[in-house]
């Protein structure tokens, strides 16, 4: 432990990588199904079947603190934790974040990605692209001796440059044998402040950017979080491990692919 944060061995990181790539594979697989007219419940059922029957893994979200589904589907003004529903039908111009977590041999993999449903509006596209750039900026700060404040500062700098706001109530987290562990990874901050990073730390970076103000509210279902001003919101998430040379993204689309490279159908 360092600052209460687990320090993982190279073998541990290998197990986390395996779980992370399985989670990324689910997001690859579901991409072709994210089309106008599909319900978010249908997407959930497809992902559940793939995780259980193709990957032989466990859907980590099912039953977690009572959560009823396999994935989280956050559409347009939904910031995070949207519950798949047969009544939520995707339409042209929507943007959607799909968040998936799997368990493989006791290790958790957790990642999320934005998708366009048809052609997005100008603001929606700019928001999604900026959120992705902010994620990469945060990842770019991860190295031994850096701090979580460096990560948060890089993310908020990208968001504020484009006049978008950063959600503060929800953050990244340590992950490995536990779904949510230390440290908390804020997506705002000051350089040089916060936990100092050491090789072996594993955590998620998952910035949520709003087109309007940063304030959010939770709906009566106890899960779904929306922007208070009903503006659009976008989020991307990756798991990273701190390595002696810098960092490794554990939720790449596939072995050997470019770090966090989005699909052409997402950012085309």
C-alpha atoms as a PDB file:
ATOM      1  CA  UNK A   1       0.000   0.000   0.000  1.00  0.00           C
ATOM      2  CA  UNK A   2       1.045   3.590  -0.681  1.00  0.00           C
ATOM      3  CA  UNK A   3      -1.187   6.377   0.652  1.00  0.00           C
ATOM      4  CA  UNK A   4      -3.757   3.605   1.177  1.00  0.00           C
ATOM      5  CA  UNK A   5      -3.582   2.709  -2.529  1.00  0.00           C
ATOM      6  CA  UNK A   6      -2.851  -0.944  -3.426  1.00  0.00           C
ATOM      7  CA  UNK A   7       0.454  -1.574  -5.205  1.00  0.00           C
ATOM      8  CA  UNK A   8       0.086  -4.385  -7.718  1.00  0.00           C
ATOM      9  CA  UNK A   9       2.740  -6.737  -9.064  1.00  0.00           C
ATOM     10  CA  UNK A  10       3.447  -7.251 -12.759  1.00  0.00           C
ATOM     11  CA  UNK A  11       1.429 -10.467 -12.566  1.00  0.00           C
ATOM     12  CA  UNK A  12      -1.465  -8.590 -10.964  1.00  0.00           C
ATOM     13  CA  UNK A  13      -1.383  -5.967 -13.706  1.00  0.00           C
ATOM     14  CA  UNK A  14      -1.503  -8.782 -16.264  1.00  0.00           C
ATOM     15  CA  UNK A  15      -4.709 -10.093 -14.679  1.00  0.00           C
ATOM     16  CA  UNK A  16      -6.213  -6.607 -14.644  1.00  0.00           C
ATOM     17  CA  UNK A  17      -5.202  -6.160 -18.293  1.00  0.00           C
ATOM     18  CA  UNK A  18      -6.999  -9.362 -19.240  1.00  0.00           C
ATOM     19  CA  UNK A  19     -10.201  -8.208 -17.540  1.00  0.00           C
ATOM     20  CA  UNK A  20      -9.851  -4.717 -18.993  1.00  0.00           C
ATOM     21  CA  UNK A  21      -9.507  -5.990 -22.544  1.00  0.00           C
ATOM     22  CA  UNK A  22     -12.596  -8.161 -22.114  1.00  0.00           C
ATOM     23  CA  UNK A  23     -14.553  -5.076 -21.059  1.00  0.00           C
ATOM     24  CA  UNK A  24     -13.223  -3.206 -24.104  1.00  0.00           C
ATOM     25  CA  UNK A  25     -14.228  -6.123 -26.329  1.00  0.00           C
ATOM     26  CA  UNK A  26     -17.824  -5.776 -25.142  1.00  0.00           C
ATOM     27  CA  UNK A  27     -17.828  -2.133 -26.265  1.00  0.00           C
ATOM     28  CA  UNK A  28     -16.378  -3.164 -29.634  1.00  0.00           C
ATOM     29  CA  UNK A  29     -19.046  -5.822 -30.051  1.00  0.00           C
ATOM     30  CA  UNK A  30     -22.010  -3.601 -29.172  1.00  0.00           C
ATOM     31  CA  UNK A  31     -21.009  -0.792 -31.535  1.00  0.00           C
ATOM     32  CA  UNK A  32     -22.820  -2.267 -34.551  1.00  0.00           C
ATOM     33  CA  UNK A  33     -26.037  -2.442 -32.521  1.00  0.00           C
ATOM     34  CA  UNK A  34     -26.065   1.235 -31.494  1.00  0.00           C
ATOM     35  CA  UNK A  35     -28.492   2.421 -34.165  1.00  0.00           C
ATOM     36  CA  UNK A  36     -31.694   4.443 -34.355  1.00  0.00           C
ATOM     37  CA  UNK A  37     -34.698   2.457 -33.154  1.00  0.00           C
ATOM     38  CA  UNK A  38     -32.916   0.149 -30.722  1.00  0.00           C
ATOM     39  CA  UNK A  39     -33.847   0.196 -27.040  1.00  0.00           C
ATOM     40  CA  UNK A  40     -31.214   0.508 -24.360  1.00  0.00           C
ATOM     41  CA  UNK A  41     -32.652  -2.675 -22.827  1.00  0.00           C
ATOM     42  CA  UNK A  42     -31.886  -4.553 -26.054  1.00  0.00           C
ATOM     43  CA  UNK A  43     -28.276  -3.322 -25.903  1.00  0.00           C
ATOM     44  CA  UNK A  44     -28.073  -4.510 -22.308  1.00  0.00           C
ATOM     45  CA  UNK A  45     -29.318  -8.003 -23.150  1.00  0.00           C
ATOM     46  CA  UNK A  46     -26.816  -8.340 -26.000  1.00  0.00           C
ATOM     47  CA  UNK A  47     -23.939  -7.319 -23.719  1.00  0.00           C
ATOM     48  CA  UNK A  48     -25.043  -9.676 -20.958  1.00  0.00           C
ATOM     49  CA  UNK A  49     -25.182 -12.616 -23.349  1.00  0.00           C
ATOM     50  CA  UNK A  50     -21.724 -11.800 -24.739  1.00  0.00           C
ATOM     51  CA  UNK A  51     -20.089 -11.468 -21.326  1.00  0.00           C
ATOM     52  CA  UNK A  52     -21.588 -14.679 -19.942  1.00  0.00           C
ATOM     53  CA  UNK A  53     -21.750 -16.974 -22.954  1.00  0.00           C
ATOM     54  CA  UNK A  54     -18.873 -15.774 -25.160  1.00  0.00           C
ATOM     55  CA  UNK A  55     -16.309 -14.465 -22.679  1.00  0.00           C
ATOM     56  CA  UNK A  56     -17.146 -16.744 -19.766  1.00  0.00           C
ATOM     57  CA  UNK A  57     -16.914 -13.730 -17.494  1.00  0.00           C
ATOM     58  CA  UNK A  58     -19.216 -12.204 -14.873  1.00  0.00           C
ATOM     59  CA  UNK A  59     -21.155  -8.941 -15.441  1.00  0.00           C
ATOM     60  CA  UNK A  60     -19.850  -6.877 -12.538  1.00  0.00           C
ATOM     61  CA  UNK A  61     -22.735  -4.409 -12.406  1.00  0.00           C
ATOM     62  CA  UNK A  62     -25.583  -6.892 -11.946  1.00  0.00           C
ATOM     63  CA  UNK A  63     -26.666  -6.656  -8.312  1.00  0.00           C
ATOM     64  CA  UNK A  64     -23.927  -4.177  -7.391  1.00  0.00           C
ATOM     65  CA  UNK A  65     -25.564  -2.135  -4.610  1.00  0.00           C
ATOM     66  CA  UNK A  66     -28.833  -3.341  -6.108  1.00  0.00           C
ATOM     67  CA  UNK A  67     -28.167  -2.208  -9.685  1.00  0.00           C
ATOM     68  CA  UNK A  68     -30.482  -4.248 -11.952  1.00  0.00           C
ATOM     69  CA  UNK A  69     -28.646  -4.353 -15.297  1.00  0.00           C
ATOM     70  CA  UNK A  70     -25.370  -5.319 -16.989  1.00  0.00           C
ATOM     71  CA  UNK A  71     -24.408  -1.984 -18.582  1.00  0.00           C
ATOM     72  CA  UNK A  72     -25.093   1.668 -17.879  1.00  0.00           C
ATOM     73  CA  UNK A  73     -26.573   3.640 -20.766  1.00  0.00           C
ATOM     74  CA  UNK A  74     -26.381   7.429 -20.442  1.00  0.00           C
ATOM     75  CA  UNK A  75     -28.105   9.274 -23.294  1.00  0.00           C
ATOM     76  CA  UNK A  76     -27.810  13.006 -24.103  1.00  0.00           C
ATOM     77  CA  UNK A  77     -28.363  14.920 -20.831  1.00  0.00           C
ATOM     78  CA  UNK A  78     -27.733  11.829 -18.675  1.00  0.00           C
ATOM     79  CA  UNK A  79     -24.334  12.254 -17.029  1.00  0.00           C
ATOM     80  CA  UNK A  80     -23.897   8.707 -15.726  1.00  0.00           C
ATOM     81  CA  UNK A  81     -25.596   5.608 -14.320  1.00  0.00           C
ATOM     82  CA  UNK A  82     -28.480   5.526 -16.784  1.00  0.00           C
ATOM     83  CA  UNK A  83     -30.478   2.297 -16.418  1.00  0.00           C
ATOM     84  CA  UNK A  84     -31.282   0.406 -19.645  1.00  0.00           C
ATOM     85  CA  UNK A  85     -35.011   0.354 -20.358  1.00  0.00           C
ATOM     86  CA  UNK A  86     -37.359  -1.050 -23.022  1.00  0.00           C
ATOM     87  CA  UNK A  87     -38.912   2.420 -23.186  1.00  0.00           C
ATOM     88  CA  UNK A  88     -35.688   4.277 -24.012  1.00  0.00           C
ATOM     89  CA  UNK A  89     -35.415   4.086 -27.800  1.00  0.00           C
ATOM     90  CA  UNK A  90     -32.373   5.644 -29.453  1.00  0.00           C
ATOM     91  CA  UNK A  91     -33.008   8.174 -32.200  1.00  0.00           C
ATOM     92  CA  UNK A  92     -30.892   9.902 -34.817  1.00  0.00           C
ATOM     93  CA  UNK A  93     -28.683  12.597 -33.349  1.00  0.00           C
ATOM     94  CA  UNK A  94     -28.475  11.057 -29.873  1.00  0.00           C
ATOM     95  CA  UNK A  95     -25.175  10.597 -28.089  1.00  0.00           C
ATOM     96  CA  UNK A  96     -24.833   7.711 -25.672  1.00  0.00           C
ATOM     97  CA  UNK A  97     -22.243   6.541 -23.186  1.00  0.00           C
ATOM     98  CA  UNK A  98     -22.125   2.797 -22.579  1.00  0.00           C
ATOM     99  CA  UNK A  99     -20.295   1.762 -19.419  1.00  0.00           C
ATOM    100  CA  UNK A 100     -19.408  -1.883 -18.841  1.00  0.00           C
ATOM    101  CA  UNK A 101     -17.562  -3.793 -16.151  1.00  0.00           C
ATOM    102  CA  UNK A 102     -16.664  -7.476 -16.079  1.00  0.00           C
ATOM    103  CA  UNK A 103     -15.040  -9.842 -13.604  1.00  0.00           C
ATOM    104  CA  UNK A 104     -12.605 -12.471 -14.869  1.00  0.00           C
ATOM    105  CA  UNK A 105     -10.797 -14.768 -12.431  1.00  0.00           C
ATOM    106  CA  UNK A 106     -11.501 -12.348  -9.604  1.00  0.00           C
ATOM    107  CA  UNK A 107     -10.220  -9.231 -11.401  1.00  0.00           C
ATOM    108  CA  UNK A 108     -12.355  -6.308 -12.544  1.00  0.00           C
ATOM    109  CA  UNK A 109     -12.260  -4.589 -15.924  1.00  0.00           C
ATOM    110  CA  UNK A 110     -14.142  -1.289 -16.297  1.00  0.00           C
ATOM    111  CA  UNK A 111     -14.416   1.053 -19.275  1.00  0.00           C
ATOM    112  CA  UNK A 112     -16.898   3.287 -21.090  1.00  0.00           C
ATOM    113  CA  UNK A 113     -17.192   4.857 -24.497  1.00  0.00           C
ATOM    114  CA  UNK A 114     -19.303   7.426 -26.345  1.00  0.00           C
ATOM    115  CA  UNK A 115     -21.281   6.538 -29.471  1.00  0.00           C
ATOM    116  CA  UNK A 116     -23.087   8.672 -32.022  1.00  0.00           C
ATOM    117  CA  UNK A 117     -26.518   7.483 -33.100  1.00  0.00           C
ATOM    118  CA  UNK A 118     -26.544   8.644 -36.702  1.00  0.00           C
ATOM    119  CA  UNK A 119     -25.118  12.104 -37.314  1.00  0.00           C
ATOM    120  CA  UNK A 120     -24.771  14.253 -34.169  1.00  0.00           C
ATOM    121  CA  UNK A 121     -25.259  17.993 -33.923  1.00  0.00           C
ATOM    122  CA  UNK A 122     -22.282  20.336 -33.990  1.00  0.00           C
ATOM    123  CA  UNK A 123     -22.307  20.928 -30.224  1.00  0.00           C
ATOM    124  CA  UNK A 124     -22.746  17.221 -29.442  1.00  0.00           C
ATOM    125  CA  UNK A 125     -19.807  16.265 -31.644  1.00  0.00           C
ATOM    126  CA  UNK A 126     -17.566  18.946 -30.143  1.00  0.00           C
ATOM    127  CA  UNK A 127     -18.501  17.886 -26.605  1.00  0.00           C
ATOM    128  CA  UNK A 128     -17.801  14.200 -27.273  1.00  0.00           C
ATOM    129  CA  UNK A 129     -14.499  14.954 -28.973  1.00  0.00           C
ATOM    130  CA  UNK A 130     -13.427  17.311 -26.183  1.00  0.00           C
ATOM    131  CA  UNK A 131     -14.298  14.757 -23.501  1.00  0.00           C
ATOM    132  CA  UNK A 132     -12.120  12.236 -25.329  1.00  0.00           C
ATOM    133  CA  UNK A 133      -9.274  14.740 -25.608  1.00  0.00           C
ATOM    134  CA  UNK A 134      -9.613  15.455 -21.882  1.00  0.00           C
ATOM    135  CA  UNK A 135      -9.344  11.743 -21.115  1.00  0.00           C
ATOM    136  CA  UNK A 136      -6.141  11.507 -23.156  1.00  0.00           C
ATOM    137  CA  UNK A 137      -4.755  14.610 -21.441  1.00  0.00           C
ATOM    138  CA  UNK A 138      -5.350  13.014 -18.058  1.00  0.00           C
ATOM    139  CA  UNK A 139      -3.765   9.725 -19.124  1.00  0.00           C
ATOM    140  CA  UNK A 140      -0.795  11.674 -20.463  1.00  0.00           C
ATOM    141  CA  UNK A 141       0.035  12.861 -16.943  1.00  0.00           C
ATOM    142  CA  UNK A 142       0.246   9.368 -15.427  1.00  0.00           C
ATOM    143  CA  UNK A 143       3.807   8.457 -14.505  1.00  0.00           C
ATOM    144  CA  UNK A 144       5.799   7.755 -11.320  1.00  0.00           C
ATOM    145  CA  UNK A 145       6.252  10.924  -9.292  1.00  0.00           C
ATOM    146  CA  UNK A 146       3.286  12.753 -10.834  1.00  0.00           C
ATOM    147  CA  UNK A 147       0.215  13.453  -8.735  1.00  0.00           C
ATOM    148  CA  UNK A 148      -3.499  12.955  -9.165  1.00  0.00           C
ATOM    149  CA  UNK A 149      -3.739  16.746  -9.078  1.00  0.00           C
ATOM    150  CA  UNK A 150      -1.699  16.781 -12.298  1.00  0.00           C
ATOM    151  CA  UNK A 151      -4.246  14.417 -13.883  1.00  0.00           C
ATOM    152  CA  UNK A 152      -7.236  16.484 -12.800  1.00  0.00           C
ATOM    153  CA  UNK A 153      -5.647  19.767 -13.854  1.00  0.00           C
ATOM    154  CA  UNK A 154      -4.927  18.447 -17.348  1.00  0.00           C
ATOM    155  CA  UNK A 155      -8.527  17.294 -17.759  1.00  0.00           C
ATOM    156  CA  UNK A 156     -10.135  20.520 -16.568  1.00  0.00           C
ATOM    157  CA  UNK A 157      -7.765  22.607 -18.688  1.00  0.00           C
ATOM    158  CA  UNK A 158      -9.014  20.898 -21.857  1.00  0.00           C
ATOM    159  CA  UNK A 159     -12.661  21.214 -20.783  1.00  0.00           C
ATOM    160  CA  UNK A 160     -12.428  24.883 -19.817  1.00  0.00           C
ATOM    161  CA  UNK A 161     -10.578  25.760 -23.008  1.00  0.00           C
ATOM    162  CA  UNK A 162     -13.717  24.735 -24.896  1.00  0.00           C
ATOM    163  CA  UNK A 163     -16.013  26.408 -22.328  1.00  0.00           C
ATOM    164  CA  UNK A 164     -17.363  23.088 -21.056  1.00  0.00           C
ATOM    165  CA  UNK A 165     -17.748  22.232 -17.375  1.00  0.00           C
ATOM    166  CA  UNK A 166     -16.400  19.243 -15.432  1.00  0.00           C
ATOM    167  CA  UNK A 167     -18.720  17.225 -13.194  1.00  0.00           C
ATOM    168  CA  UNK A 168     -17.285  17.120  -9.684  1.00  0.00           C
ATOM    169  CA  UNK A 169     -19.607  14.755  -7.797  1.00  0.00           C
ATOM    170  CA  UNK A 170     -18.360  11.620  -9.589  1.00  0.00           C
ATOM    171  CA  UNK A 171     -14.792  10.503 -10.119  1.00  0.00           C
ATOM    172  CA  UNK A 172     -12.434   7.755 -11.171  1.00  0.00           C
ATOM    173  CA  UNK A 173     -11.360   5.087  -8.707  1.00  0.00           C
ATOM    174  CA  UNK A 174      -8.859   2.441  -7.869  1.00  0.00           C
ATOM    175  CA  UNK A 175      -9.714  -0.984  -9.286  1.00  0.00           C
ATOM    176  CA  UNK A 176      -8.308  -4.490  -9.335  1.00  0.00           C
ATOM    177  CA  UNK A 177      -9.570  -7.251  -7.080  1.00  0.00           C
ATOM    178  CA  UNK A 178     -12.132  -4.732  -5.861  1.00  0.00           C
ATOM    179  CA  UNK A 179     -14.488  -2.812  -8.143  1.00  0.00           C
ATOM    180  CA  UNK A 180     -14.035   0.503  -6.350  1.00  0.00           C
ATOM    181  CA  UNK A 181     -10.900   1.041  -4.304  1.00  0.00           C
ATOM    182  CA  UNK A 182      -8.498   3.843  -3.384  1.00  0.00           C
ATOM    183  CA  UNK A 183      -7.609   6.311  -4.758  1.00  0.00           C
ATOM    184  CA  UNK A 184     -10.387   8.666  -5.777  1.00  0.00           C
ATOM    185  CA  UNK A 185      -9.409  10.211  -9.103  1.00  0.00           C
ATOM    186  CA  UNK A 186     -10.866  13.700  -9.412  1.00  0.00           C
ATOM    187  CA  UNK A 187     -11.189  15.238 -12.868  1.00  0.00           C
ATOM    188  CA  UNK A 188     -10.171  18.684 -11.676  1.00  0.00           C
ATOM    189  CA  UNK A 189      -7.353  19.837  -9.459  1.00  0.00           C
ATOM    190  CA  UNK A 190      -4.065  21.649  -9.046  1.00  0.00           C
ATOM    191  CA  UNK A 191      -0.674  20.541 -10.278  1.00  0.00           C
ATOM    192  CA  UNK A 192       1.464  18.900  -7.632  1.00  0.00           C
ATOM    193  CA  UNK A 193      -1.402  18.197  -5.241  1.00  0.00           C
ATOM    194  CA  UNK A 194      -2.963  14.897  -4.214  1.00  0.00           C
ATOM    195  CA  UNK A 195      -1.665  11.340  -4.135  1.00  0.00           C
ATOM    196  CA  UNK A 196       1.798  10.866  -5.641  1.00  0.00           C
ATOM    197  CA  UNK A 197       1.758   8.098  -8.233  1.00  0.00           C
ATOM    198  CA  UNK A 198       3.890   4.979  -7.859  1.00  0.00           C
ATOM    199  CA  UNK A 199       4.437   1.945 -10.119  1.00  0.00           C
ATOM    200  CA  UNK A 200       1.815  -0.729  -9.512  1.00  0.00           C
ATOM    201  CA  UNK A 201      -1.138   1.588  -8.906  1.00  0.00           C
ATOM    202  CA  UNK A 202      -4.226   0.834 -11.020  1.00  0.00           C
ATOM    203  CA  UNK A 203      -7.174   3.205 -11.375  1.00  0.00           C
ATOM    204  CA  UNK A 204      -9.768   4.529 -13.788  1.00  0.00           C
ATOM    205  CA  UNK A 205      -9.861   7.961 -15.380  1.00  0.00           C
ATOM    206  CA  UNK A 206     -13.397   8.801 -16.503  1.00  0.00           C
ATOM    207  CA  UNK A 207     -14.089  12.519 -16.990  1.00  0.00           C
ATOM    208  CA  UNK A 208     -17.676  13.698 -17.406  1.00  0.00           C
ATOM    209  CA  UNK A 209     -18.013  16.995 -19.286  1.00  0.00           C
ATOM    210  CA  UNK A 210     -21.199  19.047 -19.589  1.00  0.00           C
ATOM    211  CA  UNK A 211     -22.046  21.469 -22.372  1.00  0.00           C
ATOM    212  CA  UNK A 212     -23.672  23.717 -19.773  1.00  0.00           C
ATOM    213  CA  UNK A 213     -23.123  24.092 -16.037  1.00  0.00           C
ATOM    214  CA  UNK A 214     -21.482  21.371 -13.957  1.00  0.00           C
ATOM    215  CA  UNK A 215     -24.351  20.855 -11.497  1.00  0.00           C
ATOM    216  CA  UNK A 216     -26.195  17.524 -11.576  1.00  0.00           C
ATOM    217  CA  UNK A 217     -29.192  15.880  -9.955  1.00  0.00           C
ATOM    218  CA  UNK A 218     -30.152  12.275  -9.345  1.00  0.00           C
ATOM    219  CA  UNK A 219     -33.510  10.988 -10.575  1.00  0.00           C
ATOM    220  CA  UNK A 220     -35.967   9.166  -8.272  1.00  0.00           C
ATOM    221  CA  UNK A 221     -34.771   5.754  -9.527  1.00  0.00           C
ATOM    222  CA  UNK A 222     -31.749   6.249  -7.262  1.00  0.00           C
ATOM    223  CA  UNK A 223     -29.243   5.763 -10.076  1.00  0.00           C
ATOM    224  CA  UNK A 224     -29.686   8.002 -13.111  1.00  0.00           C
ATOM    225  CA  UNK A 225     -27.782  11.300 -12.885  1.00  0.00           C
ATOM    226  CA  UNK A 226     -28.673  14.153 -15.252  1.00  0.00           C
ATOM    227  CA  UNK A 227     -27.393  17.658 -15.842  1.00  0.00           C
ATOM    228  CA  UNK A 228     -29.400  20.085 -13.742  1.00  0.00           C
ATOM    229  CA  UNK A 229     -29.759  22.503 -16.664  1.00  0.00           C
ATOM    230  CA  UNK A 230     -30.605  19.651 -19.100  1.00  0.00           C
ATOM    231  CA  UNK A 231     -27.498  20.334 -21.193  1.00  0.00           C
ATOM    232  CA  UNK A 232     -25.674  17.528 -22.993  1.00  0.00           C
ATOM    233  CA  UNK A 233     -23.061  15.460 -21.159  1.00  0.00           C
ATOM    234  CA  UNK A 234     -20.285  13.157 -22.402  1.00  0.00           C
ATOM    235  CA  UNK A 235     -17.891  10.721 -20.737  1.00  0.00           C
ATOM    236  CA  UNK A 236     -15.052   8.352 -21.654  1.00  0.00           C
ATOM    237  CA  UNK A 237     -13.330   5.911 -19.294  1.00  0.00           C
ATOM    238  CA  UNK A 238     -10.152   3.872 -19.283  1.00  0.00           C
ATOM    239  CA  UNK A 239      -8.273   1.827 -16.691  1.00  0.00           C
ATOM    240  CA  UNK A 240      -4.592   2.653 -16.383  1.00  0.00           C
ATOM    241  CA  UNK A 241      -1.656   1.156 -14.529  1.00  0.00           C
ATOM    242  CA  UNK A 242       1.331   3.203 -13.396  1.00  0.00           C
ATOM    243  CA  UNK A 243       4.500   1.568 -14.719  1.00  0.00           C
ATOM    244  CA  UNK A 244       8.175   2.341 -14.066  1.00  0.00           C
ATOM    245  CA  UNK A 245       8.351   3.979 -17.508  1.00  0.00           C
ATOM    246  CA  UNK A 246       5.035   5.850 -17.355  1.00  0.00           C
ATOM    247  CA  UNK A 247       1.655   4.191 -17.716  1.00  0.00           C
ATOM    248  CA  UNK A 248      -0.217   1.462 -19.544  1.00  0.00           C
ATOM    249  CA  UNK A 249      -3.834   1.696 -20.674  1.00  0.00           C
ATOM    250  CA  UNK A 250      -5.390  -1.616 -19.645  1.00  0.00           C
ATOM    251  CA  UNK A 251      -8.662  -1.209 -21.535  1.00  0.00           C
ATOM    252  CA  UNK A 252      -7.378  -0.886 -25.067  1.00  0.00           C
ATOM    253  CA  UNK A 253      -9.673  -1.983 -27.860  1.00  0.00           C
ATOM    254  CA  UNK A 254      -7.335  -4.876 -28.620  1.00  0.00           C
ATOM    255  CA  UNK A 255      -3.768  -5.945 -28.049  1.00  0.00           C
ATOM    256  CA  UNK A 256      -1.396  -3.686 -29.937  1.00  0.00           C
ATOM    257  CA  UNK A 257      -3.947  -1.030 -30.830  1.00  0.00           C
ATOM    258  CA  UNK A 258      -3.207   2.639 -30.345  1.00  0.00           C
ATOM    259  CA  UNK A 259      -3.899   3.926 -26.855  1.00  0.00           C
ATOM    260  CA  UNK A 260      -7.600   4.618 -26.515  1.00  0.00           C
ATOM    261  CA  UNK A 261      -8.038   5.079 -30.269  1.00  0.00           C
ATOM    262  CA  UNK A 262     -11.776   5.617 -30.881  1.00  0.00           C
ATOM    263  CA  UNK A 263     -13.676   3.780 -33.566  1.00  0.00           C
ATOM    264  CA  UNK A 264     -14.134   5.651 -36.863  1.00  0.00           C
ATOM    265  CA  UNK A 265     -17.897   5.251 -36.427  1.00  0.00           C
ATOM    266  CA  UNK A 266     -17.684   7.049 -33.097  1.00  0.00           C
ATOM    267  CA  UNK A 267     -15.538   9.984 -34.228  1.00  0.00           C
ATOM    268  CA  UNK A 268     -15.799  10.060 -37.986  1.00  0.00           C
END
